[in-house]
């Protein structure tokens, strides 16, 4: 006879004993605010995992031509991004002095080393092969290499446009997928045409704009939180801190923004 397994309960479903054992301050004795710092970053990583899961689903739905479910899933993604923005409010309750109390213990640890965040950037089309150099771990590097080479969400959207009868230039469809998404005047013309005549597609486009705006909002809030906490000091792990974060405030889908000027 096989052993009878214990019934699933809340603790086992969420793996709470394991999950709640992972918050381990490095400072000794532990600084009070380090626990908050660890938890917020761990929760960010959980939401990054959820975002990647949902964005992969969005790309599948676009490929299948399912416009309604694509829009619904994009709304879920946007809701998750709002939660991430809200979590920065919590970190901002920590004063510069409170952060400095344990900052030295972080040594080279930095959010720049989040492979999941880099995967998110790649999934949205913000690709840079040079990022791979920061990830020697074979598992992390392998996931990043896969996302670098595969179509981004924007590439899937362009194919969706073609499937719905819009003439997207072949040179755009055949672009090097390892390069970042760049704006294109002809794609903007196609989008402007859709905005004048295709309400359902406009709804989908606006869901993409909502996502893009939300991601930029998170970047901006992260920038201001960092500036508020450490000023213009270098970031942890010898990163450029505020200066680097400011350079990342760019749209993922530039054509959806630039086309509005011509409407």
Protein backbone atom coordinates (compact mmCIF):
# COMPACT_ATOMS: atom_id res chain seq x y z
CA UNK A 1 0.00 0.00 0.00
CA UNK A 2 1.20 3.48 -0.79
CA UNK A 3 1.50 5.96 2.05
CA UNK A 4 -1.45 8.27 2.39
CA UNK A 5 -0.46 11.86 1.67
CA UNK A 6 -1.52 14.68 3.92
CA UNK A 7 -4.35 16.79 2.46
CA UNK A 8 -3.37 20.05 0.80
CA UNK A 9 -3.85 23.01 3.13
CA UNK A 10 -2.95 26.69 2.93
CA UNK A 11 0.51 26.20 4.42
CA UNK A 12 1.49 23.42 2.02
CA UNK A 13 -0.11 25.03 -1.05
CA UNK A 14 1.79 28.30 -0.57
CA UNK A 15 4.85 26.49 0.84
CA UNK A 16 4.75 28.92 3.75
CA UNK A 17 7.36 27.27 6.01
CA UNK A 18 9.92 27.47 3.19
CA UNK A 19 8.81 30.92 2.02
CA UNK A 20 8.90 32.53 5.46
CA UNK A 21 12.35 31.10 6.20
CA UNK A 22 13.95 33.03 3.33
CA UNK A 23 14.11 36.49 4.95
CA UNK A 24 17.61 36.47 6.40
CA UNK A 25 19.21 39.82 7.29
CA UNK A 26 22.95 39.99 6.70
CA UNK A 27 23.77 42.67 9.27
CA UNK A 28 24.79 41.39 12.71
CA UNK A 29 23.02 42.30 14.88
CA UNK A 30 20.22 42.71 12.31
CA UNK A 31 19.28 46.30 11.49
CA UNK A 32 15.54 46.82 11.82
CA UNK A 33 14.94 48.17 8.28
CA UNK A 34 16.89 45.44 6.52
CA UNK A 35 13.95 43.04 6.89
CA UNK A 36 11.67 45.45 4.98
CA UNK A 37 14.30 45.88 2.28
CA UNK A 38 14.63 42.12 1.78
CA UNK A 39 10.89 41.45 1.73
CA UNK A 40 10.09 44.19 -0.81
CA UNK A 41 12.77 42.90 -3.17
CA UNK A 42 11.67 39.30 -2.78
CA UNK A 43 8.07 40.26 -3.49
CA UNK A 44 9.24 42.20 -6.55
CA UNK A 45 10.87 39.03 -7.86
CA UNK A 46 7.64 37.07 -7.32
CA UNK A 47 5.71 39.67 -9.29
CA UNK A 48 8.40 39.66 -11.99
CA UNK A 49 7.82 35.91 -12.29
CA UNK A 50 4.07 36.53 -12.62
CA UNK A 51 4.65 39.22 -15.24
CA UNK A 52 6.81 36.92 -17.36
CA UNK A 53 4.17 34.21 -17.08
CA UNK A 54 1.43 36.61 -18.22
CA UNK A 55 3.48 38.23 -20.99
CA UNK A 56 4.24 34.82 -22.45
CA UNK A 57 0.49 34.22 -22.43
CA UNK A 58 -0.14 37.54 -24.18
CA UNK A 59 2.27 36.59 -26.93
CA UNK A 60 0.55 33.21 -27.36
CA UNK A 61 -2.87 34.88 -27.57
CA UNK A 62 -1.63 37.38 -30.14
CA UNK A 63 -0.23 34.56 -32.24
CA UNK A 64 -3.59 32.80 -32.02
CA UNK A 65 -5.39 36.00 -33.06
CA UNK A 66 -7.43 36.17 -29.85
CA UNK A 67 -7.88 39.92 -29.55
CA UNK A 68 -10.32 39.98 -26.63
CA UNK A 69 -8.32 37.70 -24.35
CA UNK A 70 -5.11 39.49 -25.28
CA UNK A 71 -6.60 42.78 -24.09
CA UNK A 72 -7.92 41.18 -20.90
CA UNK A 73 -4.53 39.66 -20.08
CA UNK A 74 -2.77 42.97 -20.76
CA UNK A 75 -5.10 44.59 -18.23
CA UNK A 76 -4.00 42.00 -15.69
CA UNK A 77 -0.36 42.76 -16.48
CA UNK A 78 -1.00 46.48 -16.00
CA UNK A 79 -2.63 45.76 -12.63
CA UNK A 80 0.48 43.86 -11.51
CA UNK A 81 2.71 46.77 -12.55
CA UNK A 82 0.54 49.10 -10.44
CA UNK A 83 1.21 46.85 -7.45
CA UNK A 84 4.95 47.11 -8.11
CA UNK A 85 4.70 50.90 -8.20
CA UNK A 86 2.79 50.84 -4.91
CA UNK A 87 5.51 48.77 -3.26
CA UNK A 88 7.94 51.63 -3.80
CA UNK A 89 5.75 53.71 -1.47
CA UNK A 90 6.68 51.23 1.24
CA UNK A 91 10.41 51.49 0.58
CA UNK A 92 10.17 55.29 0.65
CA UNK A 93 9.19 55.11 4.32
CA UNK A 94 12.84 54.24 4.96
CA UNK A 95 15.02 57.30 5.53
CA UNK A 96 18.55 57.67 4.07
CA UNK A 97 20.05 57.10 7.53
CA UNK A 98 18.03 53.93 8.02
CA UNK A 99 19.22 52.59 4.67
CA UNK A 100 22.83 53.50 5.39
CA UNK A 101 22.62 51.47 8.61
CA UNK A 102 22.87 48.24 6.58
CA UNK A 103 23.90 49.36 3.09
CA UNK A 104 27.56 48.34 3.49
CA UNK A 105 26.46 44.78 4.28
CA UNK A 106 24.93 44.48 0.80
CA UNK A 107 28.45 44.52 -0.69
CA UNK A 108 28.08 43.85 -4.45
CA UNK A 109 24.39 42.90 -4.33
CA UNK A 110 22.31 45.11 -6.62
CA UNK A 111 18.96 45.14 -8.35
CA UNK A 112 20.93 45.39 -11.58
CA UNK A 113 21.63 41.69 -11.07
CA UNK A 114 17.96 40.71 -11.33
CA UNK A 115 17.86 38.31 -14.28
CA UNK A 116 14.06 38.28 -14.20
CA UNK A 117 13.92 42.04 -14.65
CA UNK A 118 16.27 41.72 -17.64
CA UNK A 119 13.99 39.01 -18.99
CA UNK A 120 11.09 41.45 -18.68
CA UNK A 121 12.99 44.07 -20.64
CA UNK A 122 13.77 41.54 -23.36
CA UNK A 123 10.17 40.30 -23.46
CA UNK A 124 8.99 43.87 -24.06
CA UNK A 125 11.59 44.43 -26.79
CA UNK A 126 14.18 46.43 -24.84
CA UNK A 127 17.07 44.16 -25.77
CA UNK A 128 20.81 44.60 -25.18
CA UNK A 129 23.12 41.65 -25.69
CA UNK A 130 25.74 43.32 -23.46
CA UNK A 131 23.48 42.64 -20.45
CA UNK A 132 24.37 38.94 -20.68
CA UNK A 133 27.89 39.65 -19.44
CA UNK A 134 26.51 40.33 -15.95
CA UNK A 135 25.00 36.83 -15.69
CA UNK A 136 27.60 34.05 -15.61
CA UNK A 137 25.18 31.56 -14.04
CA UNK A 138 24.27 29.07 -16.83
CA UNK A 139 20.59 28.93 -15.87
CA UNK A 140 20.09 32.69 -15.79
CA UNK A 141 22.18 33.26 -18.89
CA UNK A 142 20.34 30.53 -20.79
CA UNK A 143 16.96 32.11 -20.07
CA UNK A 144 18.22 35.52 -21.12
CA UNK A 145 19.75 34.16 -24.32
CA UNK A 146 16.46 32.52 -25.19
CA UNK A 147 14.50 35.73 -24.69
CA UNK A 148 17.11 37.74 -26.56
CA UNK A 149 16.68 35.53 -29.63
CA UNK A 150 12.90 35.07 -29.59
CA UNK A 151 10.21 37.51 -30.77
CA UNK A 152 9.25 40.18 -28.26
CA UNK A 153 5.71 41.19 -27.40
CA UNK A 154 5.97 43.98 -29.99
CA UNK A 155 7.07 41.54 -32.69
CA UNK A 156 4.05 39.36 -31.91
CA UNK A 157 1.80 42.42 -32.13
CA UNK A 158 3.18 43.33 -35.56
CA UNK A 159 2.41 39.80 -36.79
CA UNK A 160 -1.07 40.19 -35.32
CA UNK A 161 -1.53 43.34 -37.42
CA UNK A 162 -0.55 41.45 -40.55
CA UNK A 163 -2.98 38.64 -39.68
CA UNK A 164 -5.71 41.27 -39.50
CA UNK A 165 -4.97 42.71 -42.92
CA UNK A 166 -2.62 45.57 -42.12
CA UNK A 167 0.44 46.04 -44.32
CA UNK A 168 3.43 46.06 -42.00
CA UNK A 169 6.69 46.48 -43.97
CA UNK A 170 8.58 43.22 -44.49
CA UNK A 171 11.84 44.85 -43.39
CA UNK A 172 10.22 45.47 -39.98
CA UNK A 173 8.89 41.93 -39.73
CA UNK A 174 12.27 40.50 -40.70
CA UNK A 175 14.29 42.65 -38.30
CA UNK A 176 17.11 41.27 -36.15
CA UNK A 177 15.23 40.06 -33.07
CA UNK A 178 18.27 40.50 -30.83
CA UNK A 179 18.13 44.27 -31.36
CA UNK A 180 15.92 46.69 -29.44
CA UNK A 181 12.61 47.75 -30.95
CA UNK A 182 13.05 50.97 -32.93
CA UNK A 183 10.44 53.43 -34.18
CA UNK A 184 9.35 53.23 -37.81
CA UNK A 185 7.39 55.87 -39.71
CA UNK A 186 5.58 53.31 -41.87
CA UNK A 187 4.40 51.33 -38.85
CA UNK A 188 3.15 54.59 -37.37
CA UNK A 189 1.15 55.23 -40.55
CA UNK A 190 -0.44 51.78 -40.25
CA UNK A 191 -1.30 52.42 -36.61
CA UNK A 192 -2.80 55.83 -37.42
CA UNK A 193 -4.98 54.12 -40.03
CA UNK A 194 -6.16 51.61 -37.44
CA UNK A 195 -6.93 54.34 -34.89
CA UNK A 196 -9.26 56.02 -37.37
CA UNK A 197 -11.17 52.90 -38.42
CA UNK A 198 -10.78 49.93 -36.05
CA UNK A 199 -12.16 50.49 -32.51
CA UNK A 200 -11.38 46.94 -31.34
CA UNK A 201 -7.75 47.26 -32.39
CA UNK A 202 -7.56 50.71 -30.79
CA UNK A 203 -8.60 49.09 -27.49
CA UNK A 204 -5.76 46.58 -27.80
CA UNK A 205 -3.27 49.31 -28.69
CA UNK A 206 -4.35 51.35 -25.68
CA UNK A 207 -3.81 48.31 -23.45
CA UNK A 208 -0.25 48.16 -24.77
CA UNK A 209 0.18 51.88 -24.11
CA UNK A 210 -1.15 51.39 -20.56
CA UNK A 211 1.46 48.68 -19.99
CA UNK A 212 4.24 50.80 -21.47
CA UNK A 213 3.24 53.83 -19.42
CA UNK A 214 3.02 51.71 -16.27
CA UNK A 215 6.48 50.27 -16.82
CA UNK A 216 7.89 53.76 -17.35
CA UNK A 217 6.07 54.93 -14.21
CA UNK A 218 7.75 52.15 -12.23
CA UNK A 219 11.13 53.16 -13.63
CA UNK A 220 10.52 56.82 -12.76
CA UNK A 221 9.35 56.02 -9.24
CA UNK A 222 12.36 53.73 -8.77
CA UNK A 223 14.61 56.55 -9.94
CA UNK A 224 13.08 59.08 -7.53
CA UNK A 225 13.09 56.60 -4.65
CA UNK A 226 16.80 55.95 -5.26
CA UNK A 227 17.55 59.67 -5.48
CA UNK A 228 15.57 60.28 -2.30
CA UNK A 229 17.48 57.56 -0.46
CA UNK A 230 21.09 57.90 -1.66
CA UNK A 231 21.16 61.12 -3.69
CA UNK A 232 23.74 60.94 -6.48
CA UNK A 233 25.98 58.38 -4.81
CA UNK A 234 26.90 55.28 -6.83
CA UNK A 235 24.38 52.48 -6.46
CA UNK A 236 25.10 49.17 -4.78
CA UNK A 237 27.33 46.83 -6.76
CA UNK A 238 29.18 49.91 -8.15
CA UNK A 239 26.25 50.72 -10.44
CA UNK A 240 25.85 54.30 -11.70
CA UNK A 241 22.77 54.76 -9.53
CA UNK A 242 20.45 57.64 -10.44
CA UNK A 243 22.32 58.54 -13.65
CA UNK A 244 21.81 55.05 -15.06
CA UNK A 245 18.16 54.87 -14.00
CA UNK A 246 17.46 58.19 -15.73
CA UNK A 247 18.88 56.81 -18.99
CA UNK A 248 16.33 53.95 -18.97
CA UNK A 249 13.24 56.19 -19.05
CA UNK A 250 12.27 55.26 -22.59
CA UNK A 251 9.13 53.68 -24.07
CA UNK A 252 9.10 49.99 -24.98
CA UNK A 253 6.72 50.60 -27.89
CA UNK A 254 7.86 53.94 -29.40
CA UNK A 255 5.59 53.75 -32.45
CA UNK A 256 2.46 53.78 -30.29
CA UNK A 257 3.62 57.07 -28.80
CA UNK A 258 5.09 58.79 -31.84
CA UNK A 259 2.10 58.07 -34.11
CA UNK A 260 -0.12 60.32 -31.97
CA UNK A 261 1.57 63.44 -33.27
CA UNK A 262 0.22 62.74 -36.76
CA UNK A 263 -3.39 61.97 -35.75
